[in-house]
C-alpha cells in the first residue's frame, strides 16, 4: 500500500525527534519543519518493523473522531 492510498487528511511530515521505548509500547515524538511536535504511542514491535530511529523522516497521520478542548 502506498501512502497515497491512505484517506487521512491530517498529515504532518517531519523527523523522529525522540523515541521512549518500553517493553510493549513506545512513545514517538515527530518534529515538523515548523517546530510542531506530534507525539504518538505505538507498539514497540511497530517501532522495530518501521525502522524508526531519531532523524528518520516520517509522516504522522492523525485521524480522530473527537478533539477535546479546555478553556484557559
PDB file of N, CA and C in Angstrom:
ATOM      1  N   UNK A   1       0.845  -1.178   0.000  1.00  0.00           N
ATOM      2  CA  UNK A   1       0.000   0.000   0.000  1.00  0.00           C
ATOM      3  C   UNK A   1       0.892   1.244   0.000  1.00  0.00           C
ATOM      4  N   UNK A   2       0.610   2.151  -0.880  1.00  0.00           N
ATOM      5  CA  UNK A   2       1.368   3.387  -0.910  1.00  0.00           C
ATOM      6  C   UNK A   2       0.732   4.399   0.035  1.00  0.00           C
ATOM      7  N   UNK A   3       1.488   5.403   0.409  1.00  0.00           N
ATOM      8  CA  UNK A   3       0.986   6.421   1.333  1.00  0.00           C
ATOM      9  C   UNK A   3      -0.173   7.199   0.715  1.00  0.00           C
ATOM     10  N   UNK A   4      -0.252   7.271  -0.621  1.00  0.00           N
ATOM     11  CA  UNK A   4      -1.345   7.984  -1.274  1.00  0.00           C
ATOM     12  C   UNK A   4      -2.663   7.235  -1.157  1.00  0.00           C
ATOM     13  N   UNK A   5      -2.617   5.955  -0.791  1.00  0.00           N
ATOM     14  CA  UNK A   5      -3.837   5.161  -0.674  1.00  0.00           C
ATOM     15  C   UNK A   5      -4.499   5.325   0.686  1.00  0.00           C
ATOM     16  N   UNK A   6      -3.915   6.118   1.564  1.00  0.00           N
ATOM     17  CA  UNK A   6      -4.470   6.301   2.909  1.00  0.00           C
ATOM     18  C   UNK A   6      -5.340   7.550   2.921  1.00  0.00           C
ATOM     19  N   UNK A   7      -6.572   7.404   3.408  1.00  0.00           N
ATOM     20  CA  UNK A   7      -7.513   8.513   3.437  1.00  0.00           C
ATOM     21  C   UNK A   7      -7.472   9.207   4.798  1.00  0.00           C
ATOM     22  N   UNK A   8      -6.375   9.865   5.091  1.00  0.00           N
ATOM     23  CA  UNK A   8      -6.242  10.649   6.310  1.00  0.00           C
ATOM     24  C   UNK A   8      -5.829  12.052   5.886  1.00  0.00           C
ATOM     25  N   UNK A   9      -6.628  13.029   6.249  1.00  0.00           N
ATOM     26  CA  UNK A   9      -6.367  14.388   5.774  1.00  0.00           C
ATOM     27  C   UNK A   9      -5.323  15.119   6.606  1.00  0.00           C
ATOM     28  N   UNK A  10      -5.213  14.805   7.883  1.00  0.00           N
ATOM     29  CA  UNK A  10      -4.255  15.479   8.741  1.00  0.00           C
ATOM     30  C   UNK A  10      -2.939  14.721   8.724  1.00  0.00           C
ATOM     31  N   UNK A  11      -2.033  15.166   7.870  1.00  0.00           N
ATOM     32  CA  UNK A  11      -0.744  14.516   7.706  1.00  0.00           C
ATOM     33  C   UNK A  11       0.351  15.546   7.984  1.00  0.00           C
ATOM     34  N   UNK A  12       1.286  15.160   8.844  1.00  0.00           N
ATOM     35  CA  UNK A  12       2.372  16.049   9.216  1.00  0.00           C
ATOM     36  C   UNK A  12       3.703  15.392   8.884  1.00  0.00           C
ATOM     37  N   UNK A  13       4.416  15.944   7.908  1.00  0.00           N
ATOM     38  CA  UNK A  13       5.759  15.452   7.584  1.00  0.00           C
ATOM     39  C   UNK A  13       6.715  15.960   8.645  1.00  0.00           C
ATOM     40  N   UNK A  14       7.671  15.119   8.994  1.00  0.00           N
ATOM     41  CA  UNK A  14       8.658  15.546   9.966  1.00  0.00           C
ATOM     42  C   UNK A  14       9.720  14.494  10.151  1.00  0.00           C
ATOM     43  N   UNK A  15      10.498  14.677  11.202  1.00  0.00           N
ATOM     44  CA  UNK A  15      11.558  13.728  11.540  1.00  0.00           C
ATOM     45  C   UNK A  15      11.350  13.244  12.961  1.00  0.00           C
ATOM     46  N   UNK A  16      11.692  11.984  13.186  1.00  0.00           N
ATOM     47  CA  UNK A  16      11.602  11.441  14.539  1.00  0.00           C
ATOM     48  C   UNK A  16      12.584  12.226  15.400  1.00  0.00           C
ATOM     49  N   UNK A  17      12.060  12.835  16.462  1.00  0.00           N
ATOM     50  CA  UNK A  17      12.888  13.625  17.372  1.00  0.00           C
ATOM     51  C   UNK A  17      13.389  12.765  18.524  1.00  0.00           C
ATOM     52  N   UNK A  18      12.480  11.954  19.071  1.00  0.00           N
ATOM     53  CA  UNK A  18      12.842  11.140  20.237  1.00  0.00           C
ATOM     54  C   UNK A  18      11.966   9.898  20.277  1.00  0.00           C
ATOM     55  N   UNK A  19      12.530   8.807  20.778  1.00  0.00           N
ATOM     56  CA  UNK A  19      11.788   7.572  20.997  1.00  0.00           C
ATOM     57  C   UNK A  19      12.006   7.163  22.446  1.00  0.00           C
ATOM     58  N   UNK A  20      10.912   7.017  23.178  1.00  0.00           N
ATOM     59  CA  UNK A  20      10.978   6.479  24.534  1.00  0.00           C
ATOM     60  C   UNK A  20      10.415   5.075  24.449  1.00  0.00           C
ATOM     61  N   UNK A  21      11.328   4.103  24.433  1.00  0.00           N
ATOM     62  CA  UNK A  21      10.947   2.715  24.171  1.00  0.00           C
ATOM     63  C   UNK A  21      10.598   1.982  25.459  1.00  0.00           C
ATOM     64  N   UNK A  22       9.441   1.320  25.430  1.00  0.00           N
ATOM     65  CA  UNK A  22       9.015   0.478  26.532  1.00  0.00           C
ATOM     66  C   UNK A  22       8.967  -0.965  26.080  1.00  0.00           C
ATOM     67  N   UNK A  23       8.695  -1.886  27.005  1.00  0.00           N
ATOM     68  CA  UNK A  23       8.666  -3.297  26.640  1.00  0.00           C
ATOM     69  C   UNK A  23       7.537  -3.657  25.671  1.00  0.00           C
ATOM     70  N   UNK A  24       6.422  -2.941  25.738  1.00  0.00           N
ATOM     71  CA  UNK A  24       5.276  -3.252  24.878  1.00  0.00           C
ATOM     72  C   UNK A  24       4.925  -2.093  23.957  1.00  0.00           C
ATOM     73  N   UNK A  25       4.896  -0.870  24.489  1.00  0.00           N
ATOM     74  CA  UNK A  25       4.585   0.311  23.693  1.00  0.00           C
ATOM     75  C   UNK A  25       5.704   1.325  23.817  1.00  0.00           C
ATOM     76  N   UNK A  26       5.818   2.175  22.806  1.00  0.00           N
ATOM     77  CA  UNK A  26       6.834   3.219  22.780  1.00  0.00           C
ATOM     78  C   UNK A  26       6.192   4.544  22.414  1.00  0.00           C
ATOM     79  N   UNK A  27       6.793   5.629  22.906  1.00  0.00           N
ATOM     80  CA  UNK A  27       6.330   6.978  22.611  1.00  0.00           C
ATOM     81  C   UNK A  27       7.266   7.583  21.571  1.00  0.00           C
ATOM     82  N   UNK A  28       6.687   8.067  20.483  1.00  0.00           N
ATOM     83  CA  UNK A  28       7.457   8.623  19.377  1.00  0.00           C
ATOM     84  C   UNK A  28       7.125  10.097  19.239  1.00  0.00           C
ATOM     85  N   UNK A  29       8.141  10.965  19.307  1.00  0.00           N
ATOM     86  CA  UNK A  29       7.954  12.391  19.053  1.00  0.00           C
ATOM     87  C   UNK A  29       8.439  12.687  17.643  1.00  0.00           C
ATOM     88  N   UNK A  30       7.555  13.312  16.854  1.00  0.00           N
ATOM     89  CA  UNK A  30       7.879  13.700  15.483  1.00  0.00           C
ATOM     90  C   UNK A  30       7.851  15.221  15.425  1.00  0.00           C
ATOM     91  N   UNK A  31       8.958  15.821  14.965  1.00  0.00           N
ATOM     92  CA  UNK A  31       9.028  17.272  14.852  1.00  0.00           C
ATOM     93  C   UNK A  31       8.886  17.689  13.394  1.00  0.00           C
ATOM     94  N   UNK A  32       7.926  18.588  13.134  1.00  0.00           N
ATOM     95  CA  UNK A  32       7.691  19.092  11.785  1.00  0.00           C
ATOM     96  C   UNK A  32       8.679  20.219  11.486  1.00  0.00           C
ATOM     97  N   UNK A  33       8.824  20.592  10.218  1.00  0.00           N
ATOM     98  CA  UNK A  33       9.733  21.697   9.877  1.00  0.00           C
ATOM     99  C   UNK A  33       9.393  23.009  10.585  1.00  0.00           C
ATOM    100  N   UNK A  34       8.126  23.210  10.949  1.00  0.00           N
ATOM    101  CA  UNK A  34       7.729  24.446  11.640  1.00  0.00           C
ATOM    102  C   UNK A  34       7.963  24.372  13.146  1.00  0.00           C
ATOM    103  N   UNK A  35       8.415  23.214  13.640  1.00  0.00           N
ATOM    104  CA  UNK A  35       8.694  23.080  15.069  1.00  0.00           C
ATOM    105  C   UNK A  35       7.582  22.423  15.868  1.00  0.00           C
ATOM    106  N   UNK A  36       6.462  22.140  15.231  1.00  0.00           N
ATOM    107  CA  UNK A  36       5.371  21.431  15.906  1.00  0.00           C
ATOM    108  C   UNK A  36       5.828  20.019  16.241  1.00  0.00           C
ATOM    109  N   UNK A  37       5.546  19.562  17.462  1.00  0.00           N
ATOM    110  CA  UNK A  37       5.890  18.197  17.848  1.00  0.00           C
ATOM    111  C   UNK A  37       4.600  17.399  17.992  1.00  0.00           C
ATOM    112  N   UNK A  38       4.509  16.314  17.244  1.00  0.00           N
ATOM    113  CA  UNK A  38       3.366  15.404  17.297  1.00  0.00           C
ATOM    114  C   UNK A  38       3.860  14.134  17.977  1.00  0.00           C
ATOM    115  N   UNK A  39       3.123  13.698  19.009  1.00  0.00           N
ATOM    116  CA  UNK A  39       3.524  12.512  19.766  1.00  0.00           C
ATOM    117  C   UNK A  39       2.546  11.379  19.500  1.00  0.00           C
ATOM    118  N   UNK A  40       3.094  10.190  19.307  1.00  0.00           N
ATOM    119  CA  UNK A  40       2.279   9.003  19.080  1.00  0.00           C
ATOM    120  C   UNK A  40       2.763   7.878  19.980  1.00  0.00           C
ATOM    121  N   UNK A  41       1.843   7.070  20.444  1.00  0.00           N
ATOM    122  CA  UNK A  41       2.186   5.865  21.195  1.00  0.00           C
ATOM    123  C   UNK A  41       1.831   4.682  20.305  1.00  0.00           C
ATOM    124  N   UNK A  42       2.851   3.899  19.948  1.00  0.00           N
ATOM    125  CA  UNK A  42       2.658   2.730  19.096  1.00  0.00           C
ATOM    126  C   UNK A  42       3.369   1.544  19.735  1.00  0.00           C
ATOM    127  N   UNK A  43       3.090   0.362  19.231  1.00  0.00           N
ATOM    128  CA  UNK A  43       3.760  -0.809  19.796  1.00  0.00           C
ATOM    129  C   UNK A  43       5.257  -0.748  19.506  1.00  0.00           C
ATOM    130  N   UNK A  44       6.022  -1.282  20.430  1.00  0.00           N
ATOM    131  CA  UNK A  44       7.472  -1.343  20.258  1.00  0.00           C
ATOM    132  C   UNK A  44       7.810  -2.224  19.058  1.00  0.00           C
ATOM    133  N   UNK A  45       7.011  -3.226  18.829  1.00  0.00           N
ATOM    134  CA  UNK A  45       7.203  -4.079  17.654  1.00  0.00           C
ATOM    135  C   UNK A  45       7.096  -3.257  16.373  1.00  0.00           C
ATOM    136  N   UNK A  46       6.123  -2.336  16.310  1.00  0.00           N
ATOM    137  CA  UNK A  46       5.967  -1.482  15.131  1.00  0.00           C
ATOM    138  C   UNK A  46       7.150  -0.545  14.965  1.00  0.00           C
ATOM    139  N   UNK A  47       7.711  -0.061  16.073  1.00  0.00           N
ATOM    140  CA  UNK A  47       8.897   0.797  16.004  1.00  0.00           C
ATOM    141  C   UNK A  47      10.011   0.056  15.272  1.00  0.00           C
ATOM    142  N   UNK A  48      10.207  -1.200  15.651  1.00  0.00           N
ATOM    143  CA  UNK A  48      11.272  -2.005  15.038  1.00  0.00           C
ATOM    144  C   UNK A  48      10.955  -2.327  13.572  1.00  0.00           C
ATOM    145  N   UNK A  49       9.703  -2.705  13.290  1.00  0.00           N
ATOM    146  CA  UNK A  49       9.322  -3.056  11.916  1.00  0.00           C
ATOM    147  C   UNK A  49       9.429  -1.861  10.968  1.00  0.00           C
ATOM    148  N   UNK A  50       9.142  -0.656  11.470  1.00  0.00           N
ATOM    149  CA  UNK A  50       9.226   0.554  10.649  1.00  0.00           C
ATOM    150  C   UNK A  50      10.654   1.104  10.589  1.00  0.00           C
ATOM    151  N   UNK A  51      11.541   0.557  11.409  1.00  0.00           N
ATOM    152  CA  UNK A  51      12.921   1.034  11.426  1.00  0.00           C
ATOM    153  C   UNK A  51      13.041   2.457  11.948  1.00  0.00           C
ATOM    154  N   UNK A  52      12.197   2.812  12.914  1.00  0.00           N
ATOM    155  CA  UNK A  52      12.206   4.176  13.430  1.00  0.00           C
ATOM    156  C   UNK A  52      13.423   4.432  14.311  1.00  0.00           C
ATOM    157  N   UNK A  53      14.110   5.502  14.014  1.00  0.00           N
ATOM    158  CA  UNK A  53      15.257   5.970  14.793  1.00  0.00           C
ATOM    159  C   UNK A  53      15.224   7.496  14.737  1.00  0.00           C
ATOM    160  N   UNK A  54      15.805   8.169  15.737  1.00  0.00           N
ATOM    161  CA  UNK A  54      15.858   9.635  15.670  1.00  0.00           C
ATOM    162  C   UNK A  54      16.487  10.103  14.361  1.00  0.00           C
ATOM    163  N   UNK A  55      15.844  11.108  13.754  1.00  0.00           N
ATOM    164  CA  UNK A  55      16.323  11.654  12.488  1.00  0.00           C
ATOM    165  C   UNK A  55      15.652  11.082  11.261  1.00  0.00           C
ATOM    166  N   UNK A  56      14.952   9.952  11.403  1.00  0.00           N
ATOM    167  CA  UNK A  56      14.286   9.332  10.253  1.00  0.00           C
ATOM    168  C   UNK A  56      13.097  10.191   9.834  1.00  0.00           C
ATOM    169  N   UNK A  57      12.961  10.406   8.529  1.00  0.00           N
ATOM    170  CA  UNK A  57      11.826  11.161   8.006  1.00  0.00           C
ATOM    171  C   UNK A  57      10.583  10.275   7.997  1.00  0.00           C
ATOM    172  N   UNK A  58       9.482  10.838   8.490  1.00  0.00           N
ATOM    173  CA  UNK A  58       8.228  10.101   8.597  1.00  0.00           C
ATOM    174  C   UNK A  58       7.063  11.041   8.309  1.00  0.00           C
ATOM    175  N   UNK A  59       5.888  10.465   8.241  1.00  0.00           N
ATOM    176  CA  UNK A  59       4.649  11.238   8.173  1.00  0.00           C
ATOM    177  C   UNK A  59       3.785  10.795   9.338  1.00  0.00           C
ATOM    178  N   UNK A  60       3.372  11.747  10.163  1.00  0.00           N
ATOM    179  CA  UNK A  60       2.440  11.467  11.254  1.00  0.00           C
ATOM    180  C   UNK A  60       1.035  11.627  10.686  1.00  0.00           C
ATOM    181  N   UNK A  61       0.257  10.569  10.745  1.00  0.00           N
ATOM    182  CA  UNK A  61      -1.114  10.572  10.234  1.00  0.00           C
ATOM    183  C   UNK A  61      -2.058  10.661  11.426  1.00  0.00           C
ATOM    184  N   UNK A  62      -2.868  11.706  11.457  1.00  0.00           N
ATOM    185  CA  UNK A  62      -3.759  11.932  12.594  1.00  0.00           C
ATOM    186  C   UNK A  62      -5.195  11.761  12.136  1.00  0.00           C
ATOM    187  N   UNK A  63      -5.870  10.776  12.703  1.00  0.00           N
ATOM    188  CA  UNK A  63      -7.275  10.554  12.390  1.00  0.00           C
ATOM    189  C   UNK A  63      -8.013  10.435  13.715  1.00  0.00           C
ATOM    190  N   UNK A  64      -8.903  11.338  13.958  1.00  0.00           N
ATOM    191  CA  UNK A  64      -9.589  11.358  15.244  1.00  0.00           C
ATOM    192  C   UNK A  64     -11.057  11.695  15.051  1.00  0.00           C
ATOM    193  N   UNK A  65     -11.879  11.063  15.839  1.00  0.00           N
ATOM    194  CA  UNK A  65     -13.304  11.380  15.800  1.00  0.00           C
ATOM    195  C   UNK A  65     -13.675  12.359  16.890  1.00  0.00           C
ATOM    196  N   UNK A  66     -12.725  12.675  17.780  1.00  0.00           N
ATOM    197  CA  UNK A  66     -13.008  13.586  18.875  1.00  0.00           C
ATOM    198  C   UNK A  66     -11.761  14.366  19.231  1.00  0.00           C
ATOM    199  N   UNK A  67     -11.918  15.648  19.408  1.00  0.00           N
ATOM    200  CA  UNK A  67     -10.849  16.509  19.893  1.00  0.00           C
ATOM    201  C   UNK A  67     -11.399  17.273  21.079  1.00  0.00           C
ATOM    202  N   UNK A  68     -10.793  17.105  22.248  1.00  0.00           N
ATOM    203  CA  UNK A  68     -11.247  17.813  23.447  1.00  0.00           C
ATOM    204  C   UNK A  68     -10.476  19.109  23.599  1.00  0.00           C
ATOM    205  N   UNK A  69     -11.179  20.165  24.035  1.00  0.00           N
ATOM    206  CA  UNK A  69     -10.557  21.467  24.235  1.00  0.00           C
ATOM    207  C   UNK A  69     -10.972  21.978  25.606  1.00  0.00           C
ATOM    208  N   UNK A  70     -10.001  22.516  26.331  1.00  0.00           N
ATOM    209  CA  UNK A  70     -10.276  23.107  27.641  1.00  0.00           C
ATOM    210  C   UNK A  70      -9.980  24.601  27.565  1.00  0.00           C
ATOM    211  N   UNK A  71     -10.814  25.403  28.206  1.00  0.00           N
ATOM    212  CA  UNK A  71     -10.591  26.850  28.250  1.00  0.00           C
ATOM    213  C   UNK A  71      -9.490  27.158  29.255  1.00  0.00           C
ATOM    214  N   UNK A  72      -8.684  28.150  28.949  1.00  0.00           N
ATOM    215  CA  UNK A  72      -7.617  28.598  29.867  1.00  0.00           C
ATOM    216  C   UNK A  72      -8.080  29.767  30.698  1.00  0.00           C
TER     217      UNK A  72
END
